[in-house]
Amino acid sequence: MAVDISTPAPRTTARPAKKTAAPKPRRGARSSIALKILMAVTGLLLVGFLYAHMIGNLKIFFGAETFDHYAHWLRTIGTPLLPQDWYLWLQRGGLTLAVAGHIAAATILARRARKARPVRYVHRPKIQGSYAARTMRWGGVIILLFVIFHILDLTTGTLNPVGDRQHPHANVVADFAPDRWYVTLFYTLAIVAVGFHLRHGLFSAVRTLGQRTARGERIARGAALLLSVALVVGYLSVPFAVLTGLVD
């Protein structure tokens, strides 16, 4: 009878697989994330200003005296701690930085997106997205041109028929008079562009800042639509009230 004298195979204990750390985002990816956050934060700052400015504009429905008093009060915010008009200049400086940061971030991200797809499609399929998402660039250009015109018109008074800093109500009424219908038309176009830009921008900002759930997305879309419509109606109520004689 044969005896098995072979050495038994050593018993091995299976070791658990080593956990590998999740790969860190590349430098370019981290930079893009930072730019998106910059766009979101600066955009929200600008939106806050737009709503505050709209509420101030609506004071025109309470009469010339109330509106002029509000406009003059803006120049005294912070006094006596700050000299007169300093608050407005600080605000303008902050808004300028926010706009510059917003535009710079958008431009860099757009260039990176083009570089990621250097070869154009022979047949480009339809983009699945909202009208606002597809027109953000042109909307931004229209808004920028409007801001320049608005400053020259109602801030410095250079393009305004009255141009009297002491009577802001008279400036607004003269600006949207029936014979200056083209100003109202341009104002309307710009505000509608702001509405589309705001609708898409608010939703994108919420996603950038961490919102990822389906329910949250529905709420964000609905809130963005509601806020953008409210902004458009609030701003356009002033020129059309002047145009129709409701405010004079």
C-alpha atoms as a PDB file:
ATOM      1  CA  MET A   1       0.000   0.000   0.000  1.00  0.00           C
ATOM      2  CA  ALA A   2       1.546   3.326  -1.099  1.00  0.00           C
ATOM      3  CA  VAL A   3       1.950   6.095   1.409  1.00  0.00           C
ATOM      4  CA  ASP A   4       1.587   9.722   0.296  1.00  0.00           C
ATOM      5  CA  ILE A   5       4.617  11.545   1.667  1.00  0.00           C
ATOM      6  CA  SER A   6       4.187  14.754  -0.396  1.00  0.00           C
ATOM      7  CA  THR A   7       4.321  18.027   1.541  1.00  0.00           C
ATOM      8  CA  PRO A   8       0.854  19.457   2.069  1.00  0.00           C
ATOM      9  CA  ALA A   9       0.169  22.829   0.416  1.00  0.00           C
ATOM     10  CA  PRO A  10       0.441  25.683   2.894  1.00  0.00           C
ATOM     11  CA  ARG A  11      -2.851  27.175   3.982  1.00  0.00           C
ATOM     12  CA  THR A  12      -3.296  30.738   2.846  1.00  0.00           C
ATOM     13  CA  THR A  13      -5.612  33.330   4.277  1.00  0.00           C
ATOM     14  CA  ALA A  14      -7.276  35.590   1.722  1.00  0.00           C
ATOM     15  CA  ARG A  15      -6.482  39.203   2.461  1.00  0.00           C
ATOM     16  CA  PRO A  16      -9.090  41.859   1.839  1.00  0.00           C
ATOM     17  CA  ALA A  17      -8.416  43.972  -1.208  1.00  0.00           C
ATOM     18  CA  LYS A  18      -6.660  47.180  -0.421  1.00  0.00           C
ATOM     19  CA  LYS A  19      -8.923  50.213  -0.662  1.00  0.00           C
ATOM     20  CA  THR A  20      -7.624  52.614  -3.227  1.00  0.00           C
ATOM     21  CA  ALA A  21      -8.180  56.272  -2.675  1.00  0.00           C
ATOM     22  CA  ALA A  22     -10.445  57.995  -5.141  1.00  0.00           C
ATOM     23  CA  PRO A  23      -8.400  59.769  -7.776  1.00  0.00           C
ATOM     24  CA  LYS A  24      -7.999  63.435  -7.082  1.00  0.00           C
ATOM     25  CA  PRO A  25      -9.343  65.759  -9.754  1.00  0.00           C
ATOM     26  CA  ARG A  26      -6.692  67.036 -12.102  1.00  0.00           C
ATOM     27  CA  ARG A  27      -5.455  70.593 -11.806  1.00  0.00           C
ATOM     28  CA  GLY A  28      -7.465  71.695 -14.853  1.00  0.00           C
ATOM     29  CA  ALA A  29     -10.625  70.100 -13.465  1.00  0.00           C
ATOM     30  CA  ARG A  30     -10.125  71.771 -10.076  1.00  0.00           C
ATOM     31  CA  SER A  31      -9.603  75.083 -11.850  1.00  0.00           C
ATOM     32  CA  SER A  32     -12.843  74.635 -13.811  1.00  0.00           C
ATOM     33  CA  ILE A  33     -14.746  73.847 -10.631  1.00  0.00           C
ATOM     34  CA  ALA A  34     -13.352  77.015  -9.025  1.00  0.00           C
ATOM     35  CA  LEU A  35     -14.410  79.049 -12.066  1.00  0.00           C
ATOM     36  CA  LYS A  36     -17.934  77.617 -11.907  1.00  0.00           C
ATOM     37  CA  ILE A  37     -18.153  78.510  -8.227  1.00  0.00           C
ATOM     38  CA  LEU A  38     -16.917  82.021  -9.055  1.00  0.00           C
ATOM     39  CA  MET A  39     -19.633  82.326 -11.707  1.00  0.00           C
ATOM     40  CA  ALA A  40     -22.285  81.115  -9.271  1.00  0.00           C
ATOM     41  CA  VAL A  41     -21.258  83.419  -6.411  1.00  0.00           C
ATOM     42  CA  THR A  42     -20.822  86.544  -8.553  1.00  0.00           C
ATOM     43  CA  GLY A  43     -24.081  85.760 -10.343  1.00  0.00           C
ATOM     44  CA  LEU A  44     -25.974  85.529  -7.054  1.00  0.00           C
ATOM     45  CA  LEU A  45     -24.488  88.853  -5.919  1.00  0.00           C
ATOM     46  CA  LEU A  46     -25.653  90.488  -9.139  1.00  0.00           C
ATOM     47  CA  VAL A  47     -29.108  88.938  -8.785  1.00  0.00           C
ATOM     48  CA  GLY A  48     -29.400  90.369  -5.267  1.00  0.00           C
ATOM     49  CA  PHE A  49     -28.579  93.818  -6.633  1.00  0.00           C
ATOM     50  CA  LEU A  50     -31.111  93.445  -9.460  1.00  0.00           C
ATOM     51  CA  TYR A  51     -33.942  92.726  -7.028  1.00  0.00           C
ATOM     52  CA  ALA A  52     -32.966  95.558  -4.687  1.00  0.00           C
ATOM     53  CA  HIS A  53     -32.799  97.931  -7.656  1.00  0.00           C
ATOM     54  CA  MET A  54     -36.180  96.729  -8.944  1.00  0.00           C
ATOM     55  CA  ILE A  55     -37.834  97.365  -5.564  1.00  0.00           C
ATOM     56  CA  GLY A  56     -36.403 100.873  -5.590  1.00  0.00           C
ATOM     57  CA  ASN A  57     -37.680 101.473  -9.121  1.00  0.00           C
ATOM     58  CA  LEU A  58     -41.211 100.540  -8.096  1.00  0.00           C
ATOM     59  CA  LYS A  59     -41.295 103.543  -5.754  1.00  0.00           C
ATOM     60  CA  ILE A  60     -42.084 105.580  -8.855  1.00  0.00           C
ATOM     61  CA  PHE A  61     -45.713 104.442  -8.457  1.00  0.00           C
ATOM     62  CA  PHE A  62     -45.889 106.353  -5.148  1.00  0.00           C
ATOM     63  CA  GLY A  63     -45.280 109.702  -6.790  1.00  0.00           C
ATOM     64  CA  ALA A  64     -42.446 111.983  -7.830  1.00  0.00           C
ATOM     65  CA  GLU A  65     -41.661 113.167  -4.299  1.00  0.00           C
ATOM     66  CA  THR A  66     -41.296 109.625  -2.918  1.00  0.00           C
ATOM     67  CA  PHE A  67     -39.170 108.479  -5.843  1.00  0.00           C
ATOM     68  CA  ASP A  68     -36.871 111.528  -5.706  1.00  0.00           C
ATOM     69  CA  HIS A  69     -36.505 111.174  -1.936  1.00  0.00           C
ATOM     70  CA  TYR A  70     -35.492 107.524  -2.351  1.00  0.00           C
ATOM     71  CA  ALA A  71     -32.937 108.414  -5.051  1.00  0.00           C
ATOM     72  CA  HIS A  72     -31.390 111.125  -2.852  1.00  0.00           C
ATOM     73  CA  TRP A  73     -31.391 108.800   0.177  1.00  0.00           C
ATOM     74  CA  LEU A  74     -29.179 106.360  -1.719  1.00  0.00           C
ATOM     75  CA  ARG A  75     -26.477 109.039  -1.777  1.00  0.00           C
ATOM     76  CA  THR A  76     -26.544 109.401   2.007  1.00  0.00           C
ATOM     77  CA  ILE A  77     -26.273 105.716   2.993  1.00  0.00           C
ATOM     78  CA  GLY A  78     -23.434 105.296   5.470  1.00  0.00           C
ATOM     79  CA  THR A  79     -23.228 108.934   6.494  1.00  0.00           C
ATOM     80  CA  PRO A  80     -21.772 110.336   8.663  1.00  0.00           C
ATOM     81  CA  LEU A  81     -19.404 107.346   8.877  1.00  0.00           C
ATOM     82  CA  LEU A  82     -18.860 107.612   5.127  1.00  0.00           C
ATOM     83  CA  PRO A  83     -18.833 110.818   3.094  1.00  0.00           C
ATOM     84  CA  GLN A  84     -21.864 111.384   0.870  1.00  0.00           C
ATOM     85  CA  ASP A  85     -21.976 109.208  -2.293  1.00  0.00           C
ATOM     86  CA  TRP A  86     -19.252 106.889  -1.003  1.00  0.00           C
ATOM     87  CA  TYR A  87     -21.685 104.002  -0.503  1.00  0.00           C
ATOM     88  CA  LEU A  88     -22.774 104.275  -4.147  1.00  0.00           C
ATOM     89  CA  TRP A  89     -19.162 104.286  -5.342  1.00  0.00           C
ATOM     90  CA  LEU A  90     -18.304 101.291  -3.163  1.00  0.00           C
ATOM     91  CA  GLN A  91     -21.352  99.501  -4.517  1.00  0.00           C
ATOM     92  CA  ARG A  92     -20.403 100.361  -8.093  1.00  0.00           C
ATOM     93  CA  GLY A  93     -16.874  99.101  -7.510  1.00  0.00           C
ATOM     94  CA  GLY A  94     -18.142  95.839  -6.049  1.00  0.00           C
ATOM     95  CA  LEU A  95     -20.603  95.350  -8.906  1.00  0.00           C
ATOM     96  CA  THR A  96     -17.883  96.069 -11.467  1.00  0.00           C
ATOM     97  CA  LEU A  97     -15.635  93.423  -9.902  1.00  0.00           C
ATOM     98  CA  ALA A  98     -18.526  90.936  -9.793  1.00  0.00           C
ATOM     99  CA  VAL A  99     -19.385  91.553 -13.462  1.00  0.00           C
ATOM    100  CA  ALA A 100     -15.718  91.290 -14.503  1.00  0.00           C
ATOM    101  CA  GLY A 101     -15.292  88.046 -12.563  1.00  0.00           C
ATOM    102  CA  HIS A 102     -18.521  86.629 -13.985  1.00  0.00           C
ATOM    103  CA  ILE A 103     -17.571  87.443 -17.585  1.00  0.00           C
ATOM    104  CA  ALA A 104     -13.974  86.247 -17.166  1.00  0.00           C
ATOM    105  CA  ALA A 105     -15.069  82.911 -15.685  1.00  0.00           C
ATOM    106  CA  ALA A 106     -17.679  82.404 -18.418  1.00  0.00           C
ATOM    107  CA  THR A 107     -15.157  83.219 -21.164  1.00  0.00           C
ATOM    108  CA  ILE A 108     -12.483  80.861 -19.817  1.00  0.00           C
ATOM    109  CA  LEU A 109     -14.969  78.014 -19.368  1.00  0.00           C
ATOM    110  CA  ALA A 110     -16.340  78.528 -22.896  1.00  0.00           C
ATOM    111  CA  ARG A 111     -12.815  78.404 -24.373  1.00  0.00           C
ATOM    112  CA  ARG A 112     -12.003  75.238 -22.456  1.00  0.00           C
ATOM    113  CA  ALA A 113     -15.199  73.636 -23.691  1.00  0.00           C
ATOM    114  CA  ARG A 114     -14.227  74.444 -27.294  1.00  0.00           C
ATOM    115  CA  LYS A 115     -10.702  73.075 -26.805  1.00  0.00           C
ATOM    116  CA  ALA A 116     -12.128  69.855 -25.414  1.00  0.00           C
ATOM    117  CA  ARG A 117     -13.878  69.372 -28.776  1.00  0.00           C
ATOM    118  CA  PRO A 118     -11.452  70.843 -31.326  1.00  0.00           C
ATOM    119  CA  VAL A 119     -13.065  69.105 -34.321  1.00  0.00           C
ATOM    120  CA  ARG A 120     -16.480  70.406 -35.234  1.00  0.00           C
ATOM    121  CA  TYR A 121     -19.225  67.975 -36.064  1.00  0.00           C
ATOM    122  CA  VAL A 122     -20.158  67.733 -39.744  1.00  0.00           C
ATOM    123  CA  HIS A 123     -23.771  67.502 -38.649  1.00  0.00           C
ATOM    124  CA  ARG A 124     -24.412  68.967 -35.252  1.00  0.00           C
ATOM    125  CA  PRO A 125     -27.376  67.367 -33.518  1.00  0.00           C
ATOM    126  CA  LYS A 126     -29.951  69.456 -31.769  1.00  0.00           C
ATOM    127  CA  ILE A 127     -28.919  70.413 -28.258  1.00  0.00           C
ATOM    128  CA  GLN A 128     -31.231  69.075 -25.606  1.00  0.00           C
ATOM    129  CA  GLY A 129     -31.667  72.108 -23.402  1.00  0.00           C
ATOM    130  CA  SER A 130     -33.704  75.163 -22.784  1.00  0.00           C
ATOM    131  CA  TYR A 131     -33.755  78.212 -25.004  1.00  0.00           C
ATOM    132  CA  ALA A 132     -32.146  80.158 -22.181  1.00  0.00           C
ATOM    133  CA  ALA A 133     -29.203  77.734 -21.993  1.00  0.00           C
ATOM    134  CA  ARG A 134     -28.557  78.065 -25.743  1.00  0.00           C
ATOM    135  CA  THR A 135     -28.698  81.867 -25.729  1.00  0.00           C
ATOM    136  CA  MET A 136     -26.719  82.691 -22.574  1.00  0.00           C
ATOM    137  CA  ARG A 137     -23.858  84.162 -24.614  1.00  0.00           C
ATOM    138  CA  TRP A 138     -25.969  86.538 -26.731  1.00  0.00           C
ATOM    139  CA  GLY A 139     -28.090  87.384 -23.715  1.00  0.00           C
ATOM    140  CA  GLY A 140     -24.936  88.363 -21.849  1.00  0.00           C
ATOM    141  CA  VAL A 141     -23.832  90.633 -24.716  1.00  0.00           C
ATOM    142  CA  ILE A 142     -27.238  92.367 -24.836  1.00  0.00           C
ATOM    143  CA  ILE A 143     -27.208  92.848 -21.062  1.00  0.00           C
ATOM    144  CA  LEU A 144     -23.683  94.303 -21.130  1.00  0.00           C
ATOM    145  CA  LEU A 145     -24.631  96.809 -23.860  1.00  0.00           C
ATOM    146  CA  PHE A 146     -27.767  97.723 -21.956  1.00  0.00           C
ATOM    147  CA  VAL A 147     -25.836  98.337 -18.713  1.00  0.00           C
ATOM    148  CA  ILE A 148     -23.505 100.741 -20.554  1.00  0.00           C
ATOM    149  CA  PHE A 149     -26.481 102.579 -22.087  1.00  0.00           C
ATOM    150  CA  HIS A 150     -28.357 102.626 -18.774  1.00  0.00           C
ATOM    151  CA  ILE A 151     -25.415 104.223 -16.956  1.00  0.00           C
ATOM    152  CA  LEU A 152     -25.017 106.914 -19.625  1.00  0.00           C
ATOM    153  CA  ASP A 153     -28.771 107.493 -19.673  1.00  0.00           C
ATOM    154  CA  LEU A 154     -30.020 107.482 -16.083  1.00  0.00           C
ATOM    155  CA  THR A 155     -26.847 107.572 -13.972  1.00  0.00           C
ATOM    156  CA  THR A 156     -24.711 110.231 -15.640  1.00  0.00           C
ATOM    157  CA  GLY A 157     -27.618 111.762 -17.602  1.00  0.00           C
ATOM    158  CA  THR A 158     -25.472 112.059 -20.747  1.00  0.00           C
ATOM    159  CA  LEU A 159     -28.091 110.491 -23.039  1.00  0.00           C
ATOM    160  CA  ASN A 160     -31.156 111.585 -21.100  1.00  0.00           C
ATOM    161  CA  PRO A 161     -33.388 114.421 -22.440  1.00  0.00           C
ATOM    162  CA  VAL A 162     -33.533 116.011 -18.969  1.00  0.00           C
ATOM    163  CA  GLY A 163     -30.369 114.757 -17.295  1.00  0.00           C
ATOM    164  CA  ASP A 164     -31.118 116.467 -13.969  1.00  0.00           C
ATOM    165  CA  ARG A 165     -29.598 114.616 -11.001  1.00  0.00           C
ATOM    166  CA  GLN A 166     -31.855 116.515  -8.625  1.00  0.00           C
ATOM    167  CA  HIS A 167     -35.034 115.201 -10.290  1.00  0.00           C
ATOM    168  CA  PRO A 168     -34.657 111.461 -11.036  1.00  0.00           C
ATOM    169  CA  HIS A 169     -38.437 111.081 -11.520  1.00  0.00           C
ATOM    170  CA  ALA A 170     -38.382 113.614 -14.365  1.00  0.00           C
ATOM    171  CA  ASN A 171     -35.440 111.758 -15.943  1.00  0.00           C
ATOM    172  CA  VAL A 172     -37.342 108.459 -15.962  1.00  0.00           C
ATOM    173  CA  VAL A 173     -40.528 110.002 -17.361  1.00  0.00           C
ATOM    174  CA  ALA A 174     -38.592 111.795 -20.109  1.00  0.00           C
ATOM    175  CA  ASP A 175     -36.659 108.623 -20.903  1.00  0.00           C
ATOM    176  CA  PHE A 176     -39.712 106.475 -21.655  1.00  0.00           C
ATOM    177  CA  ALA A 177     -41.861 109.140 -23.305  1.00  0.00           C
ATOM    178  CA  PRO A 178     -43.858 107.973 -26.374  1.00  0.00           C
ATOM    179  CA  ASP A 179     -41.532 109.788 -28.793  1.00  0.00           C
ATOM    180  CA  ARG A 180     -38.629 107.752 -27.389  1.00  0.00           C
ATOM    181  CA  TRP A 181     -40.300 104.399 -28.091  1.00  0.00           C
ATOM    182  CA  TYR A 182     -36.975 102.963 -29.268  1.00  0.00           C
ATOM    183  CA  VAL A 183     -35.587 103.354 -25.741  1.00  0.00           C
ATOM    184  CA  THR A 184     -38.536 101.410 -24.342  1.00  0.00           C
ATOM    185  CA  LEU A 185     -38.051  98.760 -27.028  1.00  0.00           C
ATOM    186  CA  PHE A 186     -34.353  98.361 -26.215  1.00  0.00           C
ATOM    187  CA  TYR A 187     -35.132  98.336 -22.486  1.00  0.00           C
ATOM    188  CA  THR A 188     -37.735  95.604 -23.028  1.00  0.00           C
ATOM    189  CA  LEU A 189     -35.357  93.486 -25.115  1.00  0.00           C
ATOM    190  CA  ALA A 190     -32.619  93.804 -22.496  1.00  0.00           C
ATOM    191  CA  ILE A 191     -34.898  92.976 -19.552  1.00  0.00           C
ATOM    192  CA  VAL A 192     -36.303  89.911 -21.328  1.00  0.00           C
ATOM    193  CA  ALA A 193     -32.703  88.816 -21.988  1.00  0.00           C
ATOM    194  CA  VAL A 194     -32.009  89.309 -18.273  1.00  0.00           C
ATOM    195  CA  GLY A 195     -35.007  87.105 -17.487  1.00  0.00           C
ATOM    196  CA  PHE A 196     -33.786  84.240 -19.688  1.00  0.00           C
ATOM    197  CA  HIS A 197     -30.246  84.650 -18.366  1.00  0.00           C
ATOM    198  CA  LEU A 198     -31.502  84.686 -14.790  1.00  0.00           C
ATOM    199  CA  ARG A 199     -33.706  81.636 -15.220  1.00  0.00           C
ATOM    200  CA  HIS A 200     -30.866  79.468 -16.482  1.00  0.00           C
ATOM    201  CA  GLY A 201     -28.230  81.107 -14.285  1.00  0.00           C
ATOM    202  CA  LEU A 202     -30.091  80.590 -10.996  1.00  0.00           C
ATOM    203  CA  PHE A 203     -30.682  76.930 -11.758  1.00  0.00           C
ATOM    204  CA  SER A 204     -27.040  76.418 -12.782  1.00  0.00           C
ATOM    205  CA  ALA A 205     -25.765  78.246  -9.688  1.00  0.00           C
ATOM    206  CA  VAL A 206     -27.786  75.997  -7.382  1.00  0.00           C
ATOM    207  CA  ARG A 207     -26.382  72.903  -9.106  1.00  0.00           C
ATOM    208  CA  THR A 208     -22.835  74.249  -8.943  1.00  0.00           C
ATOM    209  CA  LEU A 209     -23.196  74.895  -5.218  1.00  0.00           C
ATOM    210  CA  GLY A 210     -24.183  71.270  -4.552  1.00  0.00           C
ATOM    211  CA  GLN A 211     -27.865  70.622  -5.351  1.00  0.00           C
ATOM    212  CA  ARG A 212     -28.148  67.177  -6.979  1.00  0.00           C
ATOM    213  CA  THR A 213     -31.460  65.553  -5.966  1.00  0.00           C
ATOM    214  CA  ALA A 214     -34.337  65.165  -8.427  1.00  0.00           C
ATOM    215  CA  ARG A 215     -36.793  66.881  -6.069  1.00  0.00           C
ATOM    216  CA  GLY A 216     -34.379  69.715  -5.470  1.00  0.00           C
ATOM    217  CA  GLU A 217     -33.913  70.113  -9.215  1.00  0.00           C
ATOM    218  CA  ARG A 218     -37.663  70.474  -9.747  1.00  0.00           C
ATOM    219  CA  ILE A 219     -37.881  73.051  -6.962  1.00  0.00           C
ATOM    220  CA  ALA A 220     -34.864  74.931  -8.351  1.00  0.00           C
ATOM    221  CA  ARG A 221     -36.356  75.039 -11.868  1.00  0.00           C
ATOM    222  CA  GLY A 222     -39.703  76.276 -10.595  1.00  0.00           C
ATOM    223  CA  ALA A 223     -38.137  78.883  -8.307  1.00  0.00           C
ATOM    224  CA  ALA A 224     -35.816  80.115 -11.083  1.00  0.00           C
ATOM    225  CA  LEU A 225     -38.781  80.534 -13.450  1.00  0.00           C
ATOM    226  CA  LEU A 226     -40.880  82.331 -10.827  1.00  0.00           C
ATOM    227  CA  LEU A 227     -38.071  84.683  -9.806  1.00  0.00           C
ATOM    228  CA  SER A 228     -37.153  85.535 -13.389  1.00  0.00           C
ATOM    229  CA  VAL A 229     -40.782  86.286 -14.349  1.00  0.00           C
ATOM    230  CA  ALA A 230     -41.195  88.479 -11.239  1.00  0.00           C
ATOM    231  CA  LEU A 231     -38.030  90.392 -12.140  1.00  0.00           C
ATOM    232  CA  VAL A 232     -39.090  90.974 -15.752  1.00  0.00           C
ATOM    233  CA  VAL A 233     -42.586  92.124 -14.768  1.00  0.00           C
ATOM    234  CA  GLY A 234     -41.220  94.405 -12.040  1.00  0.00           C
ATOM    235  CA  TYR A 235     -38.728  96.141 -14.314  1.00  0.00           C
ATOM    236  CA  LEU A 236     -41.003  96.444 -17.354  1.00  0.00           C
ATOM    237  CA  SER A 237     -43.888  97.857 -15.311  1.00  0.00           C
ATOM    238  CA  VAL A 238     -42.050 101.193 -15.042  1.00  0.00           C
ATOM    239  CA  PRO A 239     -41.443 102.042 -18.738  1.00  0.00           C
ATOM    240  CA  PHE A 240     -44.870 100.811 -19.794  1.00  0.00           C
ATOM    241  CA  ALA A 241     -46.536 102.791 -17.002  1.00  0.00           C
ATOM    242  CA  VAL A 242     -44.811 105.919 -18.328  1.00  0.00           C
ATOM    243  CA  LEU A 243     -45.589 105.012 -21.937  1.00  0.00           C
ATOM    244  CA  THR A 244     -49.305 104.567 -21.204  1.00  0.00           C
ATOM    245  CA  GLY A 245     -49.576 107.685 -19.016  1.00  0.00           C
ATOM    246  CA  LEU A 246     -50.084 105.837 -15.743  1.00  0.00           C
ATOM    247  CA  VAL A 247     -46.959 107.591 -14.448  1.00  0.00           C
ATOM    248  CA  ASP A 248     -46.253 111.159 -15.529  1.00  0.00           C
END
